[in-house]
Amino acid sequence: MWNPAPAKLTDPADLFGASSYLRGAMTLEVLRQEVGSKDFNKILRRWADRYEGKSTSSRAFIRLSERVSGGQLDDLFKAWLYTPGKPALS
């Protein structure tokens, strides 16, 4: 599940594997813990309103998360989406 990182998938067979789903869900939980439930819910509502039925990018989600929370979240997303291996919990 920890390799490859979800944003670094190169094999289409991995697209629906544990790395995509489980790490993606864990990333959202770590984000909720980092920004708090109030901002997390705001992020998800704005995301759904803005991109319903559209295709977009992880980078757009990161930018929206930073705008809503007022925090810099590159390290969180780098560890959970872009770096192979199990991220350390802080």
C-alpha atoms as a PDB file:
ATOM      1  CA  MET A   1       0.000   0.000   0.000  1.00  0.00           C
ATOM      2  CA  TRP A   2       2.854   2.412   0.662  1.00  0.00           C
ATOM      3  CA  ASN A   3       4.525   2.113  -2.747  1.00  0.00           C
ATOM      4  CA  PRO A   4       4.132   3.739  -5.138  1.00  0.00           C
ATOM      5  CA  ALA A   5       2.843   7.025  -3.757  1.00  0.00           C
ATOM      6  CA  PRO A   6      -0.700   7.751  -5.049  1.00  0.00           C
ATOM      7  CA  ALA A   7       0.334  10.746  -7.142  1.00  0.00           C
ATOM      8  CA  LYS A   8       3.246   8.844  -8.650  1.00  0.00           C
ATOM      9  CA  LEU A   9       1.357   5.875 -10.107  1.00  0.00           C
ATOM     10  CA  THR A  10       2.715   4.823 -13.484  1.00  0.00           C
ATOM     11  CA  ASP A  11       1.057   1.436 -13.967  1.00  0.00           C
ATOM     12  CA  PRO A  12      -2.648   1.657 -14.905  1.00  0.00           C
ATOM     13  CA  ALA A  13      -3.184  -1.606 -12.987  1.00  0.00           C
ATOM     14  CA  ASP A  14      -2.420   0.326  -9.778  1.00  0.00           C
ATOM     15  CA  LEU A  15      -5.061   2.976 -10.416  1.00  0.00           C
ATOM     16  CA  PHE A  16      -7.729   1.221  -8.353  1.00  0.00           C
ATOM     17  CA  GLY A  17      -5.362  -0.348  -5.815  1.00  0.00           C
ATOM     18  CA  ALA A  18      -4.858   0.236  -2.110  1.00  0.00           C
ATOM     19  CA  SER A  19      -2.391   3.059  -2.663  1.00  0.00           C
ATOM     20  CA  SER A  20      -5.039   5.181  -4.389  1.00  0.00           C
ATOM     21  CA  TYR A  21      -7.952   4.481  -2.110  1.00  0.00           C
ATOM     22  CA  LEU A  22      -6.491   3.858   1.325  1.00  0.00           C
ATOM     23  CA  ARG A  23      -3.727   6.434   1.201  1.00  0.00           C
ATOM     24  CA  GLY A  24      -6.111   8.904  -0.364  1.00  0.00           C
ATOM     25  CA  ALA A  25      -8.553   8.416   2.521  1.00  0.00           C
ATOM     26  CA  MET A  26      -5.720   8.596   5.064  1.00  0.00           C
ATOM     27  CA  THR A  27      -4.543  11.829   3.453  1.00  0.00           C
ATOM     28  CA  LEU A  28      -7.962  13.361   3.936  1.00  0.00           C
ATOM     29  CA  GLU A  29      -8.019  12.291   7.601  1.00  0.00           C
ATOM     30  CA  VAL A  30      -4.559  13.767   8.210  1.00  0.00           C
ATOM     31  CA  LEU A  31      -5.740  16.969   6.522  1.00  0.00           C
ATOM     32  CA  ARG A  32      -8.812  17.071   8.809  1.00  0.00           C
ATOM     33  CA  GLN A  33      -6.586  16.651  11.861  1.00  0.00           C
ATOM     34  CA  GLU A  34      -4.242  19.385  10.624  1.00  0.00           C
ATOM     35  CA  VAL A  35      -6.820  22.055   9.714  1.00  0.00           C
ATOM     36  CA  GLY A  36      -9.676  21.093  12.049  1.00  0.00           C
ATOM     37  CA  SER A  37     -13.106  19.733  11.224  1.00  0.00           C
ATOM     38  CA  LYS A  38     -14.667  23.148  10.534  1.00  0.00           C
ATOM     39  CA  ASP A  39     -12.149  24.117   7.828  1.00  0.00           C
ATOM     40  CA  PHE A  40     -12.020  20.541   6.519  1.00  0.00           C
ATOM     41  CA  ASN A  41     -15.781  20.525   5.941  1.00  0.00           C
ATOM     42  CA  LYS A  42     -15.524  23.950   4.304  1.00  0.00           C
ATOM     43  CA  ILE A  43     -12.805  22.618   1.965  1.00  0.00           C
ATOM     44  CA  LEU A  44     -14.927  19.634   0.929  1.00  0.00           C
ATOM     45  CA  ARG A  45     -18.055  21.740   0.367  1.00  0.00           C
ATOM     46  CA  ARG A  46     -16.187  24.295  -1.743  1.00  0.00           C
ATOM     47  CA  TRP A  47     -14.451  21.527  -3.677  1.00  0.00           C
ATOM     48  CA  ALA A  48     -17.738  19.817  -4.494  1.00  0.00           C
ATOM     49  CA  ASP A  49     -19.428  23.107  -5.430  1.00  0.00           C
ATOM     50  CA  ARG A  50     -16.552  24.255  -7.627  1.00  0.00           C
ATOM     51  CA  TYR A  51     -15.674  21.004  -9.403  1.00  0.00           C
ATOM     52  CA  GLU A  52     -18.889  18.976  -9.498  1.00  0.00           C
ATOM     53  CA  GLY A  53     -18.863  16.967 -12.719  1.00  0.00           C
ATOM     54  CA  LYS A  54     -15.461  18.341 -13.737  1.00  0.00           C
ATOM     55  CA  SER A  55     -11.965  16.969 -13.873  1.00  0.00           C
ATOM     56  CA  THR A  56      -9.251  18.791 -11.955  1.00  0.00           C
ATOM     57  CA  SER A  57      -5.952  18.186 -10.175  1.00  0.00           C
ATOM     58  CA  SER A  58      -4.434  17.374  -6.803  1.00  0.00           C
ATOM     59  CA  ARG A  59      -2.632  20.719  -6.973  1.00  0.00           C
ATOM     60  CA  ALA A  60      -5.999  22.521  -7.184  1.00  0.00           C
ATOM     61  CA  PHE A  61      -7.160  20.664  -4.060  1.00  0.00           C
ATOM     62  CA  ILE A  62      -3.970  21.610  -2.226  1.00  0.00           C
ATOM     63  CA  ARG A  63      -4.361  25.295  -3.186  1.00  0.00           C
ATOM     64  CA  LEU A  64      -7.998  25.312  -2.056  1.00  0.00           C
ATOM     65  CA  SER A  65      -7.053  23.616   1.226  1.00  0.00           C
ATOM     66  CA  GLU A  66      -4.382  26.236   1.870  1.00  0.00           C
ATOM     67  CA  ARG A  67      -6.710  29.114   1.014  1.00  0.00           C
ATOM     68  CA  VAL A  68      -9.461  27.891   3.313  1.00  0.00           C
ATOM     69  CA  SER A  69      -7.189  26.925   6.207  1.00  0.00           C
ATOM     70  CA  GLY A  70      -4.793  29.836   5.866  1.00  0.00           C
ATOM     71  CA  GLY A  71      -1.913  27.390   6.334  1.00  0.00           C
ATOM     72  CA  GLN A  72       0.916  26.060   4.205  1.00  0.00           C
ATOM     73  CA  LEU A  73       0.190  22.367   3.572  1.00  0.00           C
ATOM     74  CA  ASP A  74       2.851  21.355   1.030  1.00  0.00           C
ATOM     75  CA  ASP A  75       4.703  19.154   3.535  1.00  0.00           C
ATOM     76  CA  LEU A  76       1.533  17.264   4.474  1.00  0.00           C
ATOM     77  CA  PHE A  77       0.577  16.532   0.878  1.00  0.00           C
ATOM     78  CA  LYS A  78       4.164  15.798  -0.164  1.00  0.00           C
ATOM     79  CA  ALA A  79       4.412  13.122   2.531  1.00  0.00           C
ATOM     80  CA  TRP A  80       0.985  11.573   1.972  1.00  0.00           C
ATOM     81  CA  LEU A  81       0.515  11.832  -1.812  1.00  0.00           C
ATOM     82  CA  TYR A  82       3.891  12.243  -3.463  1.00  0.00           C
ATOM     83  CA  THR A  83       6.447  10.351  -1.344  1.00  0.00           C
ATOM     84  CA  PRO A  84       6.730   6.550  -1.436  1.00  0.00           C
ATOM     85  CA  GLY A  85       6.760   4.787   1.907  1.00  0.00           C
ATOM     86  CA  LYS A  86       4.716   5.117   5.064  1.00  0.00           C
ATOM     87  CA  PRO A  87       4.505   8.753   6.228  1.00  0.00           C
ATOM     88  CA  ALA A  88       5.386   9.510   9.824  1.00  0.00           C
ATOM     89  CA  LEU A  89       2.523  10.641  12.013  1.00  0.00           C
ATOM     90  CA  SER A  90       3.219  13.688  14.117  1.00  0.00           C
END
